[in-house]
Amino acid sequence: MKRQSVLIGALLLAAGGLIAKFVGALYKIPLTNILGTNGMGLYYLVFPFYSLLLVLISSGVSLAVSRLVSLERINKNKRNEIIIFKTSLLYVFCLSLVFAFSLVFLSGNLATLQGNVNAKLGYVAIAPSIIFASLIAAIRGYFQGQENMVPTLVNNILEQIVKLVAGLILANLFLKKGIMFAVFGAILGVTIS
């Protein structure tokens, strides 16, 4: 029975990953039409540093929470599962808050170092998503520790759909103010998702 539930969970995650990748690919085509090549360059300029911060904060959190929760689940200790979950949420929230505020504070310096001061708004737009993504990593770990892959599946797909809709709408809306603001809108769509 255990092997079957692991297989079903893996299949669910794989299917969700494929759907999410497909929606993500659909997003890039109209976004490129809205932003153009210069805008897309500016859009992708903020993501390497954002990814680095995200890895520093939430790397291993999902796996650690999943492992600890599953051990407590085996021991039928629901109270410790909840303590692990709450502690992990508090940990990633505090750490990600510091990193998000640091990113906003240093956004101008980072943009200057990258050779494009227009990237400053992108850093400001992506900073709150550090907090959300870190919290989501802990939440995913909790559900995966309970062998429930459905929340992760739903989250992956909804995240991409919201990014598609919000990112394209905001990019179009802010395009009237210029390409820098259109990129801000697209990155804000990522944060909202």
C-alpha atoms as a PDB file:
ATOM      1  CA  MET A   1       0.000   0.000   0.000  1.00  0.00           C
ATOM      2  CA  LYS A   2       2.833   2.397   0.883  1.00  0.00           C
ATOM      3  CA  ARG A   3       4.592   1.876  -2.467  1.00  0.00           C
ATOM      4  CA  GLN A   4       1.337   2.537  -4.318  1.00  0.00           C
ATOM      5  CA  SER A   5       0.716   5.848  -2.517  1.00  0.00           C
ATOM      6  CA  VAL A   6       4.289   6.991  -3.253  1.00  0.00           C
ATOM      7  CA  LEU A   7       3.818   6.130  -6.923  1.00  0.00           C
ATOM      8  CA  ILE A   8       0.498   7.976  -7.088  1.00  0.00           C
ATOM      9  CA  GLY A   9       2.046  10.999  -5.364  1.00  0.00           C
ATOM     10  CA  ALA A  10       4.965  11.012  -7.789  1.00  0.00           C
ATOM     11  CA  LEU A  11       2.617  10.741 -10.767  1.00  0.00           C
ATOM     12  CA  LEU A  12       0.487  13.611  -9.455  1.00  0.00           C
ATOM     13  CA  LEU A  13       3.539  15.829  -9.019  1.00  0.00           C
ATOM     14  CA  ALA A  14       4.846  14.930 -12.479  1.00  0.00           C
ATOM     15  CA  ALA A  15       1.476  15.668 -14.107  1.00  0.00           C
ATOM     16  CA  GLY A  16       1.190  18.945 -12.225  1.00  0.00           C
ATOM     17  CA  GLY A  17       4.730  19.887 -13.223  1.00  0.00           C
ATOM     18  CA  LEU A  18       3.980  19.258 -16.895  1.00  0.00           C
ATOM     19  CA  ILE A  19       0.804  21.319 -16.800  1.00  0.00           C
ATOM     20  CA  ALA A  20       2.601  24.138 -14.970  1.00  0.00           C
ATOM     21  CA  LYS A  21       5.453  24.124 -17.507  1.00  0.00           C
ATOM     22  CA  PHE A  22       2.956  24.248 -20.381  1.00  0.00           C
ATOM     23  CA  VAL A  23       1.133  27.229 -18.869  1.00  0.00           C
ATOM     24  CA  GLY A  24       4.490  28.894 -18.165  1.00  0.00           C
ATOM     25  CA  ALA A  25       5.503  28.463 -21.798  1.00  0.00           C
ATOM     26  CA  LEU A  26       2.190  29.979 -22.902  1.00  0.00           C
ATOM     27  CA  TYR A  27       2.942  32.982 -20.705  1.00  0.00           C
ATOM     28  CA  LYS A  28       6.270  33.805 -22.327  1.00  0.00           C
ATOM     29  CA  ILE A  29       4.923  34.160 -25.873  1.00  0.00           C
ATOM     30  CA  PRO A  30       2.479  37.049 -25.281  1.00  0.00           C
ATOM     31  CA  LEU A  31       4.793  38.566 -22.666  1.00  0.00           C
ATOM     32  CA  THR A  32       7.564  38.793 -25.256  1.00  0.00           C
ATOM     33  CA  ASN A  33       5.137  40.499 -27.623  1.00  0.00           C
ATOM     34  CA  ILE A  34       4.235  43.053 -24.940  1.00  0.00           C
ATOM     35  CA  LEU A  35       7.724  43.744 -23.580  1.00  0.00           C
ATOM     36  CA  GLY A  36       9.867  43.198 -26.667  1.00  0.00           C
ATOM     37  CA  THR A  37      13.446  41.968 -26.486  1.00  0.00           C
ATOM     38  CA  ASN A  38      14.728  44.876 -24.360  1.00  0.00           C
ATOM     39  CA  GLY A  39      11.877  44.453 -21.900  1.00  0.00           C
ATOM     40  CA  MET A  40      12.418  40.701 -21.687  1.00  0.00           C
ATOM     41  CA  GLY A  41      16.101  41.307 -21.003  1.00  0.00           C
ATOM     42  CA  LEU A  42      15.149  43.631 -18.178  1.00  0.00           C
ATOM     43  CA  TYR A  43      12.539  41.119 -16.960  1.00  0.00           C
ATOM     44  CA  TYR A  44      15.091  38.308 -16.737  1.00  0.00           C
ATOM     45  CA  LEU A  45      17.762  40.522 -15.177  1.00  0.00           C
ATOM     46  CA  VAL A  46      16.244  40.320 -11.683  1.00  0.00           C
ATOM     47  CA  PHE A  47      15.661  36.571 -11.518  1.00  0.00           C
ATOM     48  CA  PRO A  48      19.213  35.246 -10.958  1.00  0.00           C
ATOM     49  CA  PHE A  49      19.674  37.236  -7.749  1.00  0.00           C
ATOM     50  CA  TYR A  50      16.082  36.509  -6.677  1.00  0.00           C
ATOM     51  CA  SER A  51      16.692  32.791  -7.226  1.00  0.00           C
ATOM     52  CA  LEU A  52      19.893  32.945  -5.185  1.00  0.00           C
ATOM     53  CA  LEU A  53      18.077  34.548  -2.253  1.00  0.00           C
ATOM     54  CA  LEU A  54      15.263  32.038  -2.501  1.00  0.00           C
ATOM     55  CA  VAL A  55      17.711  29.136  -2.423  1.00  0.00           C
ATOM     56  CA  LEU A  56      19.517  30.626   0.585  1.00  0.00           C
ATOM     57  CA  ILE A  57      16.257  30.990   2.498  1.00  0.00           C
ATOM     58  CA  SER A  58      14.141  27.999   1.587  1.00  0.00           C
ATOM     59  CA  SER A  59      16.626  25.453   0.288  1.00  0.00           C
ATOM     60  CA  GLY A  60      15.913  22.228   2.039  1.00  0.00           C
ATOM     61  CA  VAL A  61      13.041  23.627   4.113  1.00  0.00           C
ATOM     62  CA  SER A  62      10.411  21.671   2.217  1.00  0.00           C
ATOM     63  CA  LEU A  63      12.409  18.460   2.430  1.00  0.00           C
ATOM     64  CA  ALA A  64      13.284  18.931   6.111  1.00  0.00           C
ATOM     65  CA  VAL A  65       9.706  19.727   7.114  1.00  0.00           C
ATOM     66  CA  SER A  66       8.422  16.791   5.070  1.00  0.00           C
ATOM     67  CA  ARG A  67      10.881  14.403   6.683  1.00  0.00           C
ATOM     68  CA  LEU A  68      10.248  15.615  10.235  1.00  0.00           C
ATOM     69  CA  VAL A  69       6.468  15.636   9.812  1.00  0.00           C
ATOM     70  CA  SER A  70       6.470  12.133   8.325  1.00  0.00           C
ATOM     71  CA  LEU A  71       8.527  10.842  11.286  1.00  0.00           C
ATOM     72  CA  GLU A  72       6.051  12.361  13.734  1.00  0.00           C
ATOM     73  CA  ARG A  73       3.189  10.984  11.657  1.00  0.00           C
ATOM     74  CA  ILE A  74       4.648   7.482  11.954  1.00  0.00           C
ATOM     75  CA  ASN A  75       4.806   7.974  15.726  1.00  0.00           C
ATOM     76  CA  LYS A  76       1.221   9.301  15.642  1.00  0.00           C
ATOM     77  CA  ASN A  77       2.272  12.525  17.323  1.00  0.00           C
ATOM     78  CA  LYS A  78       0.015  15.173  15.764  1.00  0.00           C
ATOM     79  CA  ARG A  79       1.073  17.785  18.319  1.00  0.00           C
ATOM     80  CA  ASN A  80       4.726  17.609  17.220  1.00  0.00           C
ATOM     81  CA  GLU A  81       3.669  17.769  13.551  1.00  0.00           C
ATOM     82  CA  ILE A  82       1.958  21.086  14.261  1.00  0.00           C
ATOM     83  CA  ILE A  83       4.944  22.378  16.281  1.00  0.00           C
ATOM     84  CA  ILE A  84       7.307  21.516  13.417  1.00  0.00           C
ATOM     85  CA  PHE A  85       4.990  23.208  10.932  1.00  0.00           C
ATOM     86  CA  LYS A  86       4.595  26.407  12.991  1.00  0.00           C
ATOM     87  CA  THR A  87       8.313  26.585  13.759  1.00  0.00           C
ATOM     88  CA  SER A  88       9.236  26.207  10.092  1.00  0.00           C
ATOM     89  CA  LEU A  89       6.741  28.924   9.117  1.00  0.00           C
ATOM     90  CA  LEU A  90       8.175  31.286  11.707  1.00  0.00           C
ATOM     91  CA  TYR A  91      11.757  30.514  10.645  1.00  0.00           C
ATOM     92  CA  VAL A  92      11.208  31.090   6.921  1.00  0.00           C
ATOM     93  CA  PHE A  93       9.008  34.129   7.535  1.00  0.00           C
ATOM     94  CA  CYS A  94      11.615  35.914   9.663  1.00  0.00           C
ATOM     95  CA  LEU A  95      14.500  35.054   7.380  1.00  0.00           C
ATOM     96  CA  SER A  96      12.630  35.898   4.190  1.00  0.00           C
ATOM     97  CA  LEU A  97      11.431  39.197   5.663  1.00  0.00           C
ATOM     98  CA  VAL A  98      15.026  40.250   6.270  1.00  0.00           C
ATOM     99  CA  PHE A  99      16.057  39.211   2.748  1.00  0.00           C
ATOM    100  CA  ALA A 100      13.037  40.911   1.129  1.00  0.00           C
ATOM    101  CA  PHE A 101      13.681  44.219   2.892  1.00  0.00           C
ATOM    102  CA  SER A 102      17.384  43.950   2.048  1.00  0.00           C
ATOM    103  CA  LEU A 103      16.518  43.406  -1.609  1.00  0.00           C
ATOM    104  CA  VAL A 104      14.298  46.503  -1.669  1.00  0.00           C
ATOM    105  CA  PHE A 105      16.930  48.554   0.169  1.00  0.00           C
ATOM    106  CA  LEU A 106      19.745  47.400  -2.147  1.00  0.00           C
ATOM    107  CA  SER A 107      17.687  47.381  -5.364  1.00  0.00           C
ATOM    108  CA  GLY A 108      19.284  50.538  -6.762  1.00  0.00           C
ATOM    109  CA  ASN A 109      22.809  49.310  -6.027  1.00  0.00           C
ATOM    110  CA  LEU A 110      22.114  45.887  -7.553  1.00  0.00           C
ATOM    111  CA  ALA A 111      20.640  47.438 -10.684  1.00  0.00           C
ATOM    112  CA  THR A 112      23.655  49.723 -11.017  1.00  0.00           C
ATOM    113  CA  LEU A 113      26.062  46.802 -10.555  1.00  0.00           C
ATOM    114  CA  GLN A 114      24.226  44.920 -13.301  1.00  0.00           C
ATOM    115  CA  GLY A 115      24.614  47.883 -15.608  1.00  0.00           C
ATOM    116  CA  ASN A 116      20.916  48.695 -15.948  1.00  0.00           C
ATOM    117  CA  VAL A 117      19.405  51.100 -13.424  1.00  0.00           C
ATOM    118  CA  ASN A 118      15.960  50.311 -14.844  1.00  0.00           C
ATOM    119  CA  ALA A 119      16.086  46.933 -13.068  1.00  0.00           C
ATOM    120  CA  LYS A 120      15.518  48.669  -9.711  1.00  0.00           C
ATOM    121  CA  LEU A 121      11.727  48.513 -10.033  1.00  0.00           C
ATOM    122  CA  GLY A 122      11.954  44.823 -10.896  1.00  0.00           C
ATOM    123  CA  TYR A 123      13.776  44.091  -7.654  1.00  0.00           C
ATOM    124  CA  VAL A 124      11.182  46.024  -5.700  1.00  0.00           C
ATOM    125  CA  ALA A 125       8.363  44.124  -7.432  1.00  0.00           C
ATOM    126  CA  ILE A 126       9.906  40.676  -6.827  1.00  0.00           C
ATOM    127  CA  ALA A 127      10.943  41.237  -3.177  1.00  0.00           C
ATOM    128  CA  PRO A 128       7.595  40.295  -1.548  1.00  0.00           C
ATOM    129  CA  SER A 129       7.546  37.014  -3.448  1.00  0.00           C
ATOM    130  CA  ILE A 130      10.601  35.920  -1.451  1.00  0.00           C
ATOM    131  CA  ILE A 131       8.360  35.874   1.612  1.00  0.00           C
ATOM    132  CA  PHE A 132       5.490  34.086  -0.127  1.00  0.00           C
ATOM    133  CA  ALA A 133       7.670  31.486  -1.841  1.00  0.00           C
ATOM    134  CA  SER A 134       9.473  30.654   1.402  1.00  0.00           C
ATOM    135  CA  LEU A 135       6.211  30.194   3.281  1.00  0.00           C
ATOM    136  CA  ILE A 136       4.861  28.035   0.467  1.00  0.00           C
ATOM    137  CA  ALA A 137       7.971  25.818   0.687  1.00  0.00           C
ATOM    138  CA  ALA A 138       7.252  25.133   4.363  1.00  0.00           C
ATOM    139  CA  ILE A 139       3.564  24.498   3.677  1.00  0.00           C
ATOM    140  CA  ARG A 140       4.390  22.105   0.841  1.00  0.00           C
ATOM    141  CA  GLY A 141       6.772  20.225   3.113  1.00  0.00           C
ATOM    142  CA  TYR A 142       4.061  19.836   5.723  1.00  0.00           C
ATOM    143  CA  PHE A 143       1.564  18.354   3.274  1.00  0.00           C
ATOM    144  CA  GLN A 144       4.177  16.171   1.599  1.00  0.00           C
ATOM    145  CA  GLY A 145       5.123  14.825   5.033  1.00  0.00           C
ATOM    146  CA  GLN A 146       1.511  13.758   5.365  1.00  0.00           C
ATOM    147  CA  GLU A 147       1.752  12.092   1.933  1.00  0.00           C
ATOM    148  CA  ASN A 148      -0.723  14.582   0.492  1.00  0.00           C
ATOM    149  CA  MET A 149       0.607  15.795  -2.852  1.00  0.00           C
ATOM    150  CA  VAL A 150      -2.637  17.452  -3.970  1.00  0.00           C
ATOM    151  CA  PRO A 151      -1.881  20.883  -2.394  1.00  0.00           C
ATOM    152  CA  THR A 152       1.511  20.957  -4.147  1.00  0.00           C
ATOM    153  CA  LEU A 153      -0.117  19.953  -7.430  1.00  0.00           C
ATOM    154  CA  VAL A 154      -2.842  22.584  -7.139  1.00  0.00           C
ATOM    155  CA  ASN A 155      -0.329  25.227  -6.056  1.00  0.00           C
ATOM    156  CA  ASN A 156       1.977  24.580  -9.030  1.00  0.00           C
ATOM    157  CA  ILE A 157      -0.831  24.890 -11.548  1.00  0.00           C
ATOM    158  CA  LEU A 158      -2.605  27.858  -9.917  1.00  0.00           C
ATOM    159  CA  GLU A 159       0.670  29.721  -9.539  1.00  0.00           C
ATOM    160  CA  GLN A 160       1.317  29.532 -13.267  1.00  0.00           C
ATOM    161  CA  ILE A 161      -2.256  30.463 -14.215  1.00  0.00           C
ATOM    162  CA  VAL A 162      -2.272  33.485 -11.889  1.00  0.00           C
ATOM    163  CA  LYS A 163       1.167  34.516 -13.209  1.00  0.00           C
ATOM    164  CA  LEU A 164      -0.154  34.271 -16.767  1.00  0.00           C
ATOM    165  CA  VAL A 165      -3.275  36.324 -16.120  1.00  0.00           C
ATOM    166  CA  ALA A 166      -1.911  38.882 -13.618  1.00  0.00           C
ATOM    167  CA  GLY A 167       1.428  39.285 -15.377  1.00  0.00           C
ATOM    168  CA  LEU A 168      -0.065  39.933 -18.792  1.00  0.00           C
ATOM    169  CA  ILE A 169      -2.784  42.249 -17.491  1.00  0.00           C
ATOM    170  CA  LEU A 170      -0.362  44.286 -15.377  1.00  0.00           C
ATOM    171  CA  ALA A 171       2.274  44.430 -18.118  1.00  0.00           C
ATOM    172  CA  ASN A 172      -0.345  45.733 -20.562  1.00  0.00           C
ATOM    173  CA  LEU A 173      -1.724  48.167 -18.001  1.00  0.00           C
ATOM    174  CA  PHE A 174       1.676  49.639 -17.118  1.00  0.00           C
ATOM    175  CA  LEU A 175       2.937  49.677 -20.729  1.00  0.00           C
ATOM    176  CA  LYS A 176       1.359  53.120 -21.137  1.00  0.00           C
ATOM    177  CA  LYS A 177       3.980  54.493 -18.707  1.00  0.00           C
ATOM    178  CA  GLY A 178       6.888  52.889 -20.566  1.00  0.00           C
ATOM    179  CA  ILE A 179       8.710  49.601 -20.908  1.00  0.00           C
ATOM    180  CA  MET A 180      10.309  49.828 -17.459  1.00  0.00           C
ATOM    181  CA  PHE A 181       6.865  49.984 -15.857  1.00  0.00           C
ATOM    182  CA  ALA A 182       5.534  47.209 -18.100  1.00  0.00           C
ATOM    183  CA  VAL A 183       8.362  44.997 -16.821  1.00  0.00           C
ATOM    184  CA  PHE A 184       7.452  46.084 -13.289  1.00  0.00           C
ATOM    185  CA  GLY A 185       3.873  44.951 -13.963  1.00  0.00           C
ATOM    186  CA  ALA A 186       4.972  41.574 -15.342  1.00  0.00           C
ATOM    187  CA  ILE A 187       7.237  40.954 -12.342  1.00  0.00           C
ATOM    188  CA  LEU A 188       4.469  42.087 -10.009  1.00  0.00           C
ATOM    189  CA  GLY A 189       2.340  39.376 -11.644  1.00  0.00           C
ATOM    190  CA  VAL A 190       4.967  36.836 -10.600  1.00  0.00           C
ATOM    191  CA  THR A 191       4.815  38.147  -7.032  1.00  0.00           C
ATOM    192  CA  ILE A 192       1.017  37.958  -6.993  1.00  0.00           C
ATOM    193  CA  SER A 193       1.123  34.394  -8.263  1.00  0.00           C
END
